[in-house]
Amino acid sequence: MIRRRTWSSFVQVFIMAVLLGGMGSSFAGAEDDIFETLQVALFPEPVEAPPFSLPSVEGGEVSLSDYHGSVVFLNFWTTW
C-alpha cells in the first residue's frame, strides 16, 4: 500500500513538472512582445540623469553626483 502511494505521488509530481515546464517554454518567446503589448519603449542606450540635489533627513544635502557609477532607485512620495 505504501509503495503504491509513493509511486502514485511520483507520477503526479512528474506530470506537474512536465506541464509546468511546457508552460515555461511557451512564455519564453512572449518576453520580446511584452514591451509592444504594454506600449513601453526601451532606451537604445542608457540616459544620464540631470544633476540635482535634495535635502536629507539629517539636515544636510544629498547630491545625485555622490552616487555616480552606482544604481540609484528614486522613489518620490507625496501626501495630498
N, C-alpha and C. Protein backbone atom coordinates (compact mmCIF):
# COMPACT_ATOMS: atom_id res chain seq x y z
N MET A 1 0.82 -1.19 0.00
CA MET A 1 0.00 0.00 0.00
C MET A 1 0.87 1.26 0.00
N ILE A 2 1.90 1.30 0.86
CA ILE A 2 2.77 2.47 0.93
C ILE A 2 3.55 2.62 -0.37
N ARG A 3 3.98 1.49 -0.92
CA ARG A 3 4.74 1.52 -2.17
C ARG A 3 3.88 2.06 -3.31
N ARG A 4 2.62 1.69 -3.35
CA ARG A 4 1.71 2.16 -4.40
C ARG A 4 1.47 3.66 -4.26
N ARG A 5 1.31 4.14 -3.04
CA ARG A 5 1.08 5.56 -2.79
C ARG A 5 2.31 6.37 -3.18
N THR A 6 3.49 5.87 -2.89
CA THR A 6 4.74 6.55 -3.26
C THR A 6 4.85 6.64 -4.77
N TRP A 7 4.56 5.55 -5.47
CA TRP A 7 4.63 5.55 -6.93
C TRP A 7 3.61 6.53 -7.51
N SER A 8 2.42 6.55 -6.96
CA SER A 8 1.38 7.47 -7.43
C SER A 8 1.80 8.92 -7.21
N SER A 9 2.40 9.21 -6.07
CA SER A 9 2.88 10.57 -5.80
C SER A 9 3.98 10.96 -6.77
N PHE A 10 4.88 10.03 -7.07
CA PHE A 10 5.95 10.30 -8.02
C PHE A 10 5.39 10.62 -9.40
N VAL A 11 4.41 9.85 -9.84
CA VAL A 11 3.80 10.08 -11.15
C VAL A 11 3.11 11.44 -11.18
N GLN A 12 2.41 11.81 -10.12
CA GLN A 12 1.74 13.11 -10.07
C GLN A 12 2.75 14.25 -10.13
N VAL A 13 3.82 14.15 -9.39
CA VAL A 13 4.86 15.18 -9.40
C VAL A 13 5.50 15.27 -10.78
N PHE A 14 5.75 14.14 -11.41
CA PHE A 14 6.36 14.13 -12.74
C PHE A 14 5.44 14.80 -13.76
N ILE A 15 4.16 14.49 -13.72
CA ILE A 15 3.20 15.11 -14.65
C ILE A 15 3.14 16.62 -14.43
N MET A 16 3.12 17.06 -13.19
CA MET A 16 3.10 18.50 -12.90
C MET A 16 4.36 19.18 -13.41
N ALA A 17 5.51 18.53 -13.25
CA ALA A 17 6.77 19.10 -13.71
C ALA A 17 6.77 19.23 -15.23
N VAL A 18 6.26 18.24 -15.93
CA VAL A 18 6.20 18.30 -17.39
C VAL A 18 5.26 19.42 -17.83
N LEU A 19 4.11 19.54 -17.19
CA LEU A 19 3.15 20.59 -17.55
C LEU A 19 3.72 21.98 -17.28
N LEU A 20 4.32 22.18 -16.12
CA LEU A 20 4.91 23.48 -15.80
C LEU A 20 6.09 23.80 -16.70
N GLY A 21 6.88 22.80 -17.03
CA GLY A 21 7.99 23.01 -17.95
C GLY A 21 7.51 23.42 -19.33
N GLY A 22 6.43 22.82 -19.78
CA GLY A 22 5.85 23.19 -21.07
C GLY A 22 5.30 24.60 -21.06
N MET A 23 4.70 25.00 -19.95
CA MET A 23 4.20 26.37 -19.85
C MET A 23 5.34 27.37 -19.86
N GLY A 24 6.42 27.04 -19.19
CA GLY A 24 7.57 27.94 -19.15
C GLY A 24 8.18 28.15 -20.52
N SER A 25 8.24 27.10 -21.31
CA SER A 25 8.82 27.25 -22.65
C SER A 25 7.90 28.01 -23.57
N SER A 26 6.60 27.98 -23.33
CA SER A 26 5.68 28.74 -24.19
C SER A 26 5.75 30.22 -23.88
N PHE A 27 6.13 30.59 -22.66
CA PHE A 27 6.26 32.00 -22.30
C PHE A 27 7.62 32.57 -22.68
N ALA A 28 8.55 31.74 -23.09
CA ALA A 28 9.90 32.22 -23.40
C ALA A 28 9.90 33.20 -24.56
N GLY A 29 9.10 32.98 -25.58
CA GLY A 29 9.04 33.89 -26.72
C GLY A 29 8.21 35.12 -26.44
N ALA A 30 7.36 35.09 -25.43
CA ALA A 30 6.48 36.22 -25.13
C ALA A 30 7.24 37.39 -24.54
N GLU A 31 8.46 37.17 -24.09
CA GLU A 31 9.25 38.23 -23.47
C GLU A 31 9.54 39.35 -24.46
N ASP A 32 9.73 39.03 -25.72
CA ASP A 32 10.03 40.04 -26.72
C ASP A 32 8.81 40.90 -27.02
N ASP A 33 7.63 40.33 -26.98
CA ASP A 33 6.42 41.05 -27.35
C ASP A 33 5.79 41.81 -26.19
N ILE A 34 6.22 41.59 -24.98
CA ILE A 34 5.56 42.22 -23.84
C ILE A 34 5.72 43.74 -23.86
N PHE A 35 6.84 44.23 -24.36
CA PHE A 35 7.03 45.68 -24.43
C PHE A 35 6.08 46.30 -25.45
N GLU A 36 5.83 45.61 -26.54
CA GLU A 36 4.86 46.10 -27.52
C GLU A 36 3.45 46.05 -26.96
N THR A 37 3.12 44.99 -26.25
CA THR A 37 1.79 44.84 -25.68
C THR A 37 1.52 45.94 -24.66
N LEU A 38 2.48 46.24 -23.82
CA LEU A 38 2.32 47.27 -22.79
C LEU A 38 2.59 48.67 -23.32
N GLN A 39 2.99 48.78 -24.57
CA GLN A 39 3.32 50.05 -25.22
C GLN A 39 4.39 50.79 -24.43
N VAL A 40 5.44 50.07 -24.09
CA VAL A 40 6.58 50.62 -23.36
C VAL A 40 7.76 50.67 -24.31
N ALA A 41 8.45 51.79 -24.33
CA ALA A 41 9.62 51.94 -25.20
C ALA A 41 10.89 51.66 -24.41
N LEU A 42 11.83 51.02 -25.04
CA LEU A 42 13.13 50.78 -24.43
C LEU A 42 14.11 51.81 -24.93
N PHE A 43 14.96 52.29 -24.04
CA PHE A 43 16.01 53.21 -24.45
C PHE A 43 17.10 52.42 -25.17
N PRO A 44 17.56 52.90 -26.32
CA PRO A 44 18.60 52.17 -27.03
C PRO A 44 19.93 52.15 -26.27
N GLU A 45 20.18 53.16 -25.47
CA GLU A 45 21.38 53.22 -24.64
C GLU A 45 21.03 53.96 -23.35
N PRO A 46 21.80 53.77 -22.30
CA PRO A 46 21.49 54.44 -21.03
C PRO A 46 21.43 55.96 -21.18
N VAL A 47 20.52 56.56 -20.44
CA VAL A 47 20.35 58.01 -20.45
C VAL A 47 20.81 58.53 -19.09
N GLU A 48 21.69 59.51 -19.10
CA GLU A 48 22.20 60.07 -17.86
C GLU A 48 21.18 61.03 -17.26
N ALA A 49 20.95 60.89 -15.97
CA ALA A 49 20.01 61.77 -15.28
C ALA A 49 20.63 63.15 -15.10
N PRO A 50 19.80 64.19 -15.12
CA PRO A 50 20.34 65.53 -14.90
C PRO A 50 20.82 65.68 -13.46
N PRO A 51 21.82 66.51 -13.22
CA PRO A 51 22.31 66.68 -11.85
C PRO A 51 21.29 67.42 -10.99
N PHE A 52 21.10 66.94 -9.77
CA PHE A 52 20.23 67.63 -8.82
C PHE A 52 20.61 67.20 -7.41
N SER A 53 20.13 67.96 -6.45
CA SER A 53 20.37 67.62 -5.04
C SER A 53 19.09 67.88 -4.26
N LEU A 54 18.96 67.15 -3.16
CA LEU A 54 17.77 67.23 -2.32
C LEU A 54 18.20 67.31 -0.86
N PRO A 55 17.36 67.89 -0.01
CA PRO A 55 17.69 67.91 1.42
C PRO A 55 17.59 66.51 2.01
N SER A 56 18.52 66.17 2.88
CA SER A 56 18.50 64.85 3.52
C SER A 56 17.72 64.92 4.82
N VAL A 57 17.44 63.78 5.38
CA VAL A 57 16.70 63.69 6.64
C VAL A 57 17.53 64.27 7.78
N GLU A 58 18.85 64.13 7.69
CA GLU A 58 19.73 64.63 8.75
C GLU A 58 19.91 66.14 8.69
N GLY A 59 19.39 66.79 7.67
CA GLY A 59 19.52 68.24 7.56
C GLY A 59 20.54 68.69 6.54
N GLY A 60 21.33 67.79 6.01
CA GLY A 60 22.33 68.15 5.01
C GLY A 60 21.72 68.12 3.61
N GLU A 61 22.57 67.95 2.64
CA GLU A 61 22.12 67.90 1.26
C GLU A 61 22.70 66.66 0.58
N VAL A 62 21.89 65.97 -0.19
CA VAL A 62 22.32 64.78 -0.90
C VAL A 62 22.29 65.10 -2.39
N SER A 63 23.41 64.86 -3.06
CA SER A 63 23.50 65.13 -4.48
C SER A 63 23.54 63.82 -5.25
N LEU A 64 22.93 63.81 -6.41
CA LEU A 64 22.94 62.61 -7.23
C LEU A 64 24.35 62.26 -7.69
N SER A 65 25.18 63.27 -7.86
CA SER A 65 26.56 63.02 -8.30
C SER A 65 27.38 62.26 -7.25
N ASP A 66 26.93 62.25 -5.99
CA ASP A 66 27.61 61.47 -4.95
C ASP A 66 27.54 59.97 -5.23
N TYR A 67 26.58 59.57 -6.04
CA TYR A 67 26.36 58.15 -6.31
C TYR A 67 26.73 57.79 -7.75
N HIS A 68 27.60 58.56 -8.37
CA HIS A 68 28.00 58.31 -9.76
C HIS A 68 28.60 56.91 -9.88
N GLY A 69 28.14 56.15 -10.85
CA GLY A 69 28.62 54.79 -11.07
C GLY A 69 27.82 53.73 -10.33
N SER A 70 26.87 54.15 -9.52
CA SER A 70 26.03 53.21 -8.78
C SER A 70 24.61 53.24 -9.33
N VAL A 71 23.89 52.16 -9.11
CA VAL A 71 22.48 52.13 -9.48
C VAL A 71 21.70 52.85 -8.39
N VAL A 72 20.88 53.81 -8.79
CA VAL A 72 20.10 54.59 -7.83
C VAL A 72 18.62 54.42 -8.15
N PHE A 73 17.84 54.06 -7.16
CA PHE A 73 16.39 53.94 -7.31
C PHE A 73 15.75 55.10 -6.57
N LEU A 74 15.08 55.97 -7.30
CA LEU A 74 14.42 57.12 -6.70
C LEU A 74 12.93 56.83 -6.57
N ASN A 75 12.41 57.04 -5.38
CA ASN A 75 11.00 56.80 -5.11
C ASN A 75 10.46 58.03 -4.40
N PHE A 76 9.73 58.85 -5.13
CA PHE A 76 9.18 60.08 -4.56
C PHE A 76 7.76 59.83 -4.06
N TRP A 77 7.51 60.24 -2.82
CA TRP A 77 6.20 60.10 -2.21
C TRP A 77 5.60 61.47 -1.99
N THR A 78 4.31 61.50 -1.91
CA THR A 78 3.62 62.75 -1.62
C THR A 78 2.39 62.46 -0.77
N THR A 79 1.96 63.44 -0.03
CA THR A 79 0.71 63.35 0.72
C THR A 79 -0.18 64.48 0.25
N TRP A 80 -1.28 64.14 -0.29
CA TRP A 80 -2.19 65.17 -0.81
C TRP A 80 -3.29 65.42 0.17
